[in-house]
Amino acid sequence: MKLFISPGACSLSPHIALQESGLAFEVEKVNLKTKLTESGVSFPEINPKGYVPALLLDSGELLTEGPAIVQYIADQVPEKNLVPAHGTMARYELQAWLTYIGTELHKSFVPFFHHGSADWQAVAKANLEARYAYVNQHLADKNYLLGEDFSVADGYLFTVTRWLRVSKLDLAAWPHLTAFQKRMAERPGVHAALKAEGLAS
């Protein structure tokens, strides 16, 4: 498999999932400004959506959208317990968290990355404060989103929470979330993904 990434972008989430899975994979960086891959290929020819992440499977099929990709990766290695089993309430809770992170957190960072108006940024900042307060409270009595076991939803939360600096919000305002970020950064799979993307030594 080959994962197309941009260092530090939302593609870090499936990169973490792959590291945690133990599966064999390659990574190819994409310059999101030039739309060229590291090997000089036009990325929109690979993924017409034009953005990362994208996972090229051994079959030649292309899978896009982070929440779908991380569930696919996890389902390849059920023994790793990176996602709950299909059909269980826990699996739907995982999907609820992936949706929440994508729609309520991830998308709220858009005005900060794309030079949105001051009014748009103010609305997004207020949304992030409210949503992160909820996540912080949820983590008050558990190590990970689903309890005591890591899941691919945690990799996504860790990824987008790393972006807080662009919103000028202080992670320290949420102690349980702060502890979560530290706990995640200490996982060997997470550290390996960060190091491979040039985000850690």
Protein backbone atom coordinates (compact mmCIF):
# COMPACT_ATOMS: atom_id res chain seq x y z
CA MET A 1 0.00 0.00 0.00
CA LYS A 2 1.06 3.58 -0.54
CA LEU A 3 -0.22 6.48 1.56
CA PHE A 4 -0.08 9.95 0.06
CA ILE A 5 0.53 12.57 2.73
CA SER A 6 1.42 16.17 3.43
CA PRO A 7 3.50 16.41 6.64
CA GLY A 8 1.40 17.48 9.62
CA ALA A 9 -1.84 17.54 7.63
CA CYS A 10 -4.85 15.31 8.34
CA SER A 11 -3.00 12.51 6.53
CA LEU A 12 -1.01 12.10 9.75
CA SER A 13 -4.04 10.23 11.13
CA PRO A 14 -3.92 7.29 8.66
CA HIS A 15 -0.12 7.40 8.85
CA ILE A 16 -0.45 6.75 12.60
CA ALA A 17 -2.99 3.98 11.90
CA LEU A 18 -0.57 2.30 9.50
CA GLN A 19 2.29 2.51 11.99
CA GLU A 20 0.07 1.05 14.71
CA SER A 21 -1.16 -1.71 12.39
CA GLY A 22 2.23 -3.22 11.61
CA LEU A 23 1.22 -3.56 7.94
CA ALA A 24 3.74 -3.00 5.16
CA PHE A 25 3.31 0.38 3.47
CA GLU A 26 5.06 3.20 1.66
CA VAL A 27 4.57 6.92 2.09
CA GLU A 28 4.78 9.52 -0.66
CA LYS A 29 4.65 13.23 0.11
CA VAL A 30 2.45 15.59 -1.88
CA ASN A 31 3.12 19.30 -2.33
CA LEU A 32 -0.38 20.70 -1.91
CA LYS A 33 0.59 23.99 -3.58
CA THR A 34 2.09 22.54 -6.75
CA LYS A 35 -0.13 19.42 -6.61
CA LEU A 36 2.91 17.29 -7.41
CA THR A 37 3.96 14.15 -5.59
CA GLU A 38 7.49 13.62 -4.36
CA SER A 39 8.18 11.56 -7.48
CA GLY A 40 6.93 14.35 -9.76
CA VAL A 41 3.50 12.93 -10.64
CA SER A 42 0.44 15.19 -10.84
CA PHE A 43 -1.50 14.30 -7.70
CA PRO A 44 -4.96 15.10 -9.17
CA GLU A 45 -4.27 12.35 -11.73
CA ILE A 46 -3.99 9.94 -8.78
CA ASN A 47 -6.74 11.46 -6.65
CA PRO A 48 -9.14 13.74 -8.58
CA LYS A 49 -10.22 15.28 -5.25
CA GLY A 50 -6.77 16.84 -5.12
CA TYR A 51 -6.16 16.53 -1.40
CA VAL A 52 -4.63 14.12 1.08
CA PRO A 53 -4.93 11.51 2.46
CA ALA A 54 -5.26 8.92 -0.26
CA LEU A 55 -4.36 5.26 0.11
CA LEU A 56 -3.37 3.31 -3.00
CA LEU A 57 -4.14 -0.34 -2.36
CA ASP A 58 -2.18 -3.29 -3.69
CA SER A 59 -5.16 -4.01 -5.94
CA GLY A 60 -4.71 -0.64 -7.64
CA GLU A 61 -7.88 0.76 -6.06
CA LEU A 62 -7.68 4.17 -4.39
CA LEU A 63 -9.34 4.85 -1.05
CA THR A 64 -9.85 8.46 0.06
CA GLU A 65 -11.22 10.30 3.12
CA GLY A 66 -9.39 9.83 6.41
CA PRO A 67 -12.18 8.21 8.48
CA ALA A 68 -12.76 5.58 5.78
CA ILE A 69 -9.03 4.96 5.35
CA VAL A 70 -8.32 4.42 9.05
CA GLN A 71 -11.21 1.97 9.39
CA TYR A 72 -10.00 0.06 6.34
CA ILE A 73 -6.48 -0.15 7.77
CA ALA A 74 -7.75 -1.30 11.16
CA ASP A 75 -10.01 -3.93 9.63
CA GLN A 76 -7.00 -5.54 7.94
CA VAL A 77 -5.54 -6.42 11.34
CA PRO A 78 -8.48 -7.31 13.64
CA GLU A 79 -6.08 -8.88 16.12
CA LYS A 80 -4.63 -5.41 16.83
CA ASN A 81 -8.02 -4.13 18.10
CA LEU A 82 -7.59 -0.73 16.44
CA VAL A 83 -11.37 -0.58 15.95
CA PRO A 84 -14.25 -2.38 17.68
CA ALA A 85 -15.91 -5.25 15.82
CA HIS A 86 -18.50 -4.54 13.12
CA GLY A 87 -22.06 -4.45 14.37
CA THR A 88 -21.19 -3.60 17.96
CA MET A 89 -22.33 -0.42 19.67
CA ALA A 90 -18.67 0.39 20.28
CA ARG A 91 -18.07 0.42 16.50
CA TYR A 92 -20.84 2.98 16.06
CA GLU A 93 -19.35 5.03 18.88
CA LEU A 94 -16.03 4.99 17.02
CA GLN A 95 -17.77 6.18 13.86
CA ALA A 96 -19.53 8.89 15.87
CA TRP A 97 -16.16 10.13 17.13
CA LEU A 98 -14.62 10.06 13.65
CA THR A 99 -17.58 12.10 12.40
CA TYR A 100 -17.40 14.55 15.31
CA ILE A 101 -13.68 15.11 14.86
CA GLY A 102 -14.11 15.59 11.13
CA THR A 103 -17.09 17.94 11.17
CA GLU A 104 -16.80 19.76 14.49
CA LEU A 105 -13.02 20.00 14.98
CA HIS A 106 -11.20 19.42 11.67
CA LYS A 107 -13.45 21.71 9.61
CA SER A 108 -13.34 24.45 12.26
CA PHE A 109 -9.64 24.94 11.51
CA VAL A 110 -10.33 25.81 7.84
CA PRO A 111 -10.51 29.62 8.29
CA PHE A 112 -7.14 29.63 10.06
CA PHE A 113 -5.38 27.68 7.32
CA HIS A 114 -7.05 29.56 4.45
CA HIS A 115 -6.85 33.15 5.71
CA GLY A 116 -10.53 33.46 6.54
CA SER A 117 -12.04 36.76 7.63
CA ALA A 118 -11.75 37.90 11.24
CA ASP A 119 -15.46 37.22 11.76
CA TRP A 120 -15.17 33.71 10.34
CA GLN A 121 -12.15 32.99 12.52
CA ALA A 122 -13.95 34.29 15.61
CA VAL A 123 -16.90 31.96 14.99
CA ALA A 124 -14.54 29.03 14.37
CA LYS A 125 -12.55 29.80 17.52
CA ALA A 126 -15.71 29.86 19.66
CA ASN A 127 -16.80 26.57 18.09
CA LEU A 128 -13.43 24.98 18.84
CA GLU A 129 -13.54 26.18 22.46
CA ALA A 130 -16.96 24.61 23.00
CA ARG A 131 -16.16 21.38 21.17
CA TYR A 132 -12.80 20.88 22.87
CA ALA A 133 -14.37 21.55 26.27
CA TYR A 134 -16.68 18.61 25.51
CA VAL A 135 -13.78 16.36 24.47
CA ASN A 136 -11.79 17.38 27.54
CA GLN A 137 -14.67 16.44 29.83
CA HIS A 138 -15.14 13.14 28.00
CA LEU A 139 -11.48 12.27 28.64
CA ALA A 140 -11.70 13.10 32.35
CA ASP A 141 -12.01 9.44 33.38
CA LYS A 142 -10.46 7.58 30.45
CA ASN A 143 -7.15 7.36 28.61
CA TYR A 144 -8.62 7.21 25.11
CA LEU A 145 -11.85 8.19 23.40
CA LEU A 146 -13.38 4.71 23.68
CA GLY A 147 -12.00 3.96 27.14
CA GLU A 148 -8.69 2.37 28.06
CA ASP A 149 -7.76 1.07 24.60
CA PHE A 150 -6.33 3.05 21.70
CA SER A 151 -8.40 3.23 18.52
CA VAL A 152 -7.90 4.91 15.16
CA ALA A 153 -10.21 7.72 16.33
CA ASP A 154 -7.50 8.72 18.82
CA GLY A 155 -5.01 9.18 16.00
CA TYR A 156 -7.42 11.56 14.27
CA LEU A 157 -8.06 13.55 17.46
CA PHE A 158 -4.32 13.78 18.13
CA THR A 159 -3.71 15.00 14.58
CA VAL A 160 -6.21 17.84 14.52
CA THR A 161 -5.45 18.90 18.10
CA ARG A 162 -1.85 19.52 17.05
CA TRP A 163 -3.24 22.40 14.96
CA LEU A 164 -4.48 24.40 17.97
CA ARG A 165 -1.55 26.79 17.70
CA VAL A 166 -2.91 28.24 14.43
CA SER A 167 -6.14 29.20 16.21
CA LYS A 168 -4.25 30.84 19.08
CA LEU A 169 -6.08 28.62 21.56
CA ASP A 170 -4.04 27.21 24.43
CA LEU A 171 -4.10 23.43 24.91
CA ALA A 172 -3.33 23.99 28.59
CA ALA A 173 -6.94 25.16 29.06
CA TRP A 174 -7.98 21.51 28.80
CA PRO A 175 -5.89 19.38 31.19
CA HIS A 176 -7.40 16.03 30.24
CA LEU A 177 -6.85 16.75 26.56
CA THR A 178 -3.29 17.88 27.36
CA ALA A 179 -2.63 14.57 29.08
CA PHE A 180 -4.15 12.74 26.11
CA GLN A 181 -1.84 14.50 23.65
CA LYS A 182 1.19 13.63 25.77
CA ARG A 183 0.05 10.01 26.12
CA MET A 184 -0.43 9.76 22.36
CA ALA A 185 2.94 11.31 21.52
CA GLU A 186 4.63 8.65 23.67
CA ARG A 187 3.14 5.76 21.69
CA PRO A 188 5.85 4.18 19.49
CA GLY A 189 3.56 4.11 16.44
CA VAL A 190 2.64 7.77 16.83
CA HIS A 191 6.27 8.78 17.35
CA ALA A 192 7.30 6.80 14.27
CA ALA A 193 4.74 8.62 12.12
CA LEU A 194 5.78 12.01 13.50
CA LYS A 195 9.45 11.22 12.90
CA ALA A 196 8.81 10.03 9.35
CA GLU A 197 7.02 13.30 8.59
CA GLY A 198 9.82 15.41 10.07
CA LEU A 199 7.66 16.47 13.03
CA ALA A 200 9.74 14.80 15.76
CA SER A 201 13.38 13.88 16.27
